[in-house]
Amino acid sequence: MTKEGKFIIYCLEIYKREKNLTGKDVVELFSKADVFNYILSCYEALHTTGDLYIVKDLEGFISDSN
């Protein structure tokens, strides 16, 4: 698995934990809002930040996509 793939899983897991959601719920949400492609496009910047920043950034992206 690529480092980007591992990071996507990491982001999914921290988002799931922070929002108290199931993995299935997060995958559906991320798919609907195109979060997976967003994470890939921002990988270089996002992977250097902390968990709280990642969750807040993904929240903002999801909110803007609705």
N, C-alpha and C. Protein backbone atom coordinates (compact mmCIF):
# COMPACT_ATOMS: atom_id res chain seq x y z
N MET A 1 0.85 -1.18 0.00
CA MET A 1 0.00 0.00 0.00
C MET A 1 0.89 1.24 0.00
N THR A 2 0.46 2.25 -0.71
CA THR A 2 1.23 3.49 -0.80
C THR A 2 1.12 4.28 0.50
N LYS A 3 2.02 5.23 0.68
CA LYS A 3 1.97 6.09 1.86
C LYS A 3 0.71 6.94 1.84
N GLU A 4 0.27 7.33 0.65
CA GLU A 4 -0.96 8.10 0.54
C GLU A 4 -2.18 7.26 0.93
N GLY A 5 -2.18 6.01 0.51
CA GLY A 5 -3.26 5.09 0.87
C GLY A 5 -3.34 4.88 2.37
N LYS A 6 -2.18 4.70 2.99
CA LYS A 6 -2.13 4.56 4.44
C LYS A 6 -2.63 5.82 5.13
N PHE A 7 -2.29 6.97 4.57
CA PHE A 7 -2.73 8.24 5.18
C PHE A 7 -4.24 8.42 5.05
N ILE A 8 -4.81 8.00 3.94
CA ILE A 8 -6.27 8.07 3.78
C ILE A 8 -6.95 7.24 4.87
N ILE A 9 -6.44 6.05 5.10
CA ILE A 9 -7.01 5.20 6.15
C ILE A 9 -6.84 5.86 7.51
N TYR A 10 -5.68 6.44 7.74
CA TYR A 10 -5.43 7.15 9.00
C TYR A 10 -6.45 8.28 9.19
N CYS A 11 -6.68 9.08 8.16
CA CYS A 11 -7.64 10.18 8.23
C CYS A 11 -9.04 9.65 8.51
N LEU A 12 -9.41 8.59 7.83
CA LEU A 12 -10.71 7.98 8.04
C LEU A 12 -10.87 7.54 9.50
N GLU A 13 -9.85 6.92 10.04
CA GLU A 13 -9.91 6.42 11.41
C GLU A 13 -9.99 7.55 12.44
N ILE A 14 -9.20 8.61 12.26
CA ILE A 14 -9.28 9.69 13.25
C ILE A 14 -10.59 10.45 13.14
N TYR A 15 -11.12 10.59 11.92
CA TYR A 15 -12.42 11.23 11.75
C TYR A 15 -13.51 10.38 12.39
N LYS A 16 -13.44 9.09 12.18
CA LYS A 16 -14.41 8.15 12.76
C LYS A 16 -14.40 8.24 14.28
N ARG A 17 -13.22 8.23 14.85
CA ARG A 17 -13.09 8.29 16.31
C ARG A 17 -13.60 9.63 16.86
N GLU A 18 -13.21 10.71 16.22
CA GLU A 18 -13.59 12.05 16.70
C GLU A 18 -15.09 12.29 16.60
N LYS A 19 -15.71 11.78 15.55
CA LYS A 19 -17.14 12.00 15.31
C LYS A 19 -18.01 10.87 15.83
N ASN A 20 -17.37 9.84 16.40
CA ASN A 20 -18.10 8.70 16.95
C ASN A 20 -19.02 8.06 15.90
N LEU A 21 -18.46 7.81 14.72
CA LEU A 21 -19.19 7.21 13.61
C LEU A 21 -18.64 5.83 13.33
N THR A 22 -19.37 5.07 12.55
CA THR A 22 -18.87 3.77 12.10
C THR A 22 -17.98 3.98 10.87
N GLY A 23 -17.16 3.00 10.59
CA GLY A 23 -16.34 3.06 9.40
C GLY A 23 -17.19 3.19 8.14
N LYS A 24 -18.28 2.46 8.10
CA LYS A 24 -19.18 2.51 6.95
C LYS A 24 -19.74 3.92 6.76
N ASP A 25 -20.14 4.56 7.87
CA ASP A 25 -20.69 5.92 7.80
C ASP A 25 -19.66 6.90 7.24
N VAL A 26 -18.42 6.77 7.70
CA VAL A 26 -17.37 7.68 7.25
C VAL A 26 -17.05 7.44 5.77
N VAL A 27 -16.99 6.19 5.36
CA VAL A 27 -16.72 5.90 3.95
C VAL A 27 -17.83 6.49 3.08
N GLU A 28 -19.06 6.35 3.47
CA GLU A 28 -20.18 6.91 2.71
C GLU A 28 -20.09 8.44 2.65
N LEU A 29 -19.81 9.06 3.79
CA LEU A 29 -19.68 10.51 3.85
C LEU A 29 -18.51 11.00 3.00
N PHE A 30 -17.36 10.36 3.15
CA PHE A 30 -16.18 10.74 2.37
C PHE A 30 -16.41 10.52 0.88
N SER A 31 -17.09 9.47 0.51
CA SER A 31 -17.37 9.21 -0.90
C SER A 31 -18.30 10.26 -1.47
N LYS A 32 -19.36 10.56 -0.74
CA LYS A 32 -20.35 11.54 -1.19
C LYS A 32 -19.72 12.92 -1.38
N ALA A 33 -18.84 13.30 -0.47
CA ALA A 33 -18.23 14.64 -0.51
C ALA A 33 -16.90 14.67 -1.27
N ASP A 34 -16.48 13.54 -1.84
CA ASP A 34 -15.22 13.42 -2.58
C ASP A 34 -14.00 13.73 -1.71
N VAL A 35 -14.08 13.35 -0.45
CA VAL A 35 -13.01 13.60 0.51
C VAL A 35 -11.76 12.80 0.18
N PHE A 36 -11.91 11.61 -0.34
CA PHE A 36 -10.73 10.80 -0.66
C PHE A 36 -9.83 11.51 -1.67
N ASN A 37 -10.42 12.08 -2.71
CA ASN A 37 -9.62 12.84 -3.69
C ASN A 37 -9.04 14.10 -3.07
N TYR A 38 -9.80 14.73 -2.19
CA TYR A 38 -9.30 15.93 -1.50
C TYR A 38 -8.06 15.59 -0.66
N ILE A 39 -8.13 14.50 0.08
CA ILE A 39 -6.98 14.10 0.90
C ILE A 39 -5.77 13.83 0.01
N LEU A 40 -5.98 13.15 -1.10
CA LEU A 40 -4.87 12.88 -2.01
C LEU A 40 -4.28 14.18 -2.57
N SER A 41 -5.14 15.13 -2.92
CA SER A 41 -4.65 16.38 -3.50
C SER A 41 -3.93 17.25 -2.48
N CYS A 42 -4.23 17.07 -1.21
CA CYS A 42 -3.61 17.87 -0.14
C CYS A 42 -2.64 17.06 0.71
N TYR A 43 -2.29 15.89 0.26
CA TYR A 43 -1.46 14.99 1.05
C TYR A 43 -0.20 15.66 1.59
N GLU A 44 0.53 16.34 0.74
CA GLU A 44 1.81 16.93 1.14
C GLU A 44 1.64 17.88 2.32
N ALA A 45 0.57 18.65 2.35
CA ALA A 45 0.34 19.57 3.46
C ALA A 45 -0.32 18.88 4.65
N LEU A 46 -1.33 18.06 4.39
CA LEU A 46 -2.09 17.45 5.49
C LEU A 46 -1.28 16.47 6.32
N HIS A 47 -0.40 15.73 5.71
CA HIS A 47 0.30 14.69 6.48
C HIS A 47 1.31 15.27 7.47
N THR A 48 1.53 16.57 7.40
CA THR A 48 2.46 17.21 8.35
C THR A 48 1.73 17.85 9.52
N THR A 49 0.41 17.74 9.55
CA THR A 49 -0.38 18.40 10.60
C THR A 49 -0.83 17.39 11.65
N GLY A 50 -1.45 17.87 12.69
CA GLY A 50 -1.94 17.01 13.76
C GLY A 50 -3.36 16.53 13.51
N ASP A 51 -3.78 15.61 14.35
CA ASP A 51 -5.10 15.00 14.20
C ASP A 51 -6.23 16.03 14.25
N LEU A 52 -6.18 16.95 15.21
CA LEU A 52 -7.25 17.94 15.35
C LEU A 52 -7.36 18.80 14.09
N TYR A 53 -6.22 19.22 13.55
CA TYR A 53 -6.23 20.01 12.34
C TYR A 53 -6.85 19.24 11.18
N ILE A 54 -6.46 17.98 11.05
CA ILE A 54 -6.99 17.15 9.96
C ILE A 54 -8.51 17.04 10.06
N VAL A 55 -9.02 16.76 11.25
CA VAL A 55 -10.47 16.63 11.43
C VAL A 55 -11.16 17.94 11.11
N LYS A 56 -10.65 19.05 11.60
CA LYS A 56 -11.26 20.36 11.33
C LYS A 56 -11.22 20.69 9.84
N ASP A 57 -10.11 20.38 9.20
CA ASP A 57 -9.98 20.64 7.76
C ASP A 57 -10.99 19.80 6.97
N LEU A 58 -11.11 18.53 7.33
CA LEU A 58 -12.07 17.67 6.63
C LEU A 58 -13.50 18.11 6.89
N GLU A 59 -13.78 18.55 8.12
CA GLU A 59 -15.11 19.09 8.43
C GLU A 59 -15.44 20.27 7.52
N GLY A 60 -14.49 21.17 7.39
CA GLY A 60 -14.68 22.33 6.52
C GLY A 60 -14.90 21.95 5.07
N PHE A 61 -14.11 21.01 4.59
CA PHE A 61 -14.26 20.57 3.21
C PHE A 61 -15.63 19.93 3.00
N ILE A 62 -16.04 19.08 3.91
CA ILE A 62 -17.34 18.41 3.79
C ILE A 62 -18.46 19.45 3.84
N SER A 63 -18.36 20.40 4.74
CA SER A 63 -19.37 21.46 4.86
C SER A 63 -19.46 22.27 3.58
N ASP A 64 -18.32 22.60 3.00
CA ASP A 64 -18.30 23.39 1.76
C ASP A 64 -18.83 22.62 0.56
N SER A 65 -18.76 21.29 0.62
CA SER A 65 -19.21 20.48 -0.52
C SER A 65 -20.72 20.28 -0.53
N ASN A 66 -21.37 20.63 0.57
CA ASN A 66 -22.85 20.45 0.64
C ASN A 66 -23.59 21.64 0.13
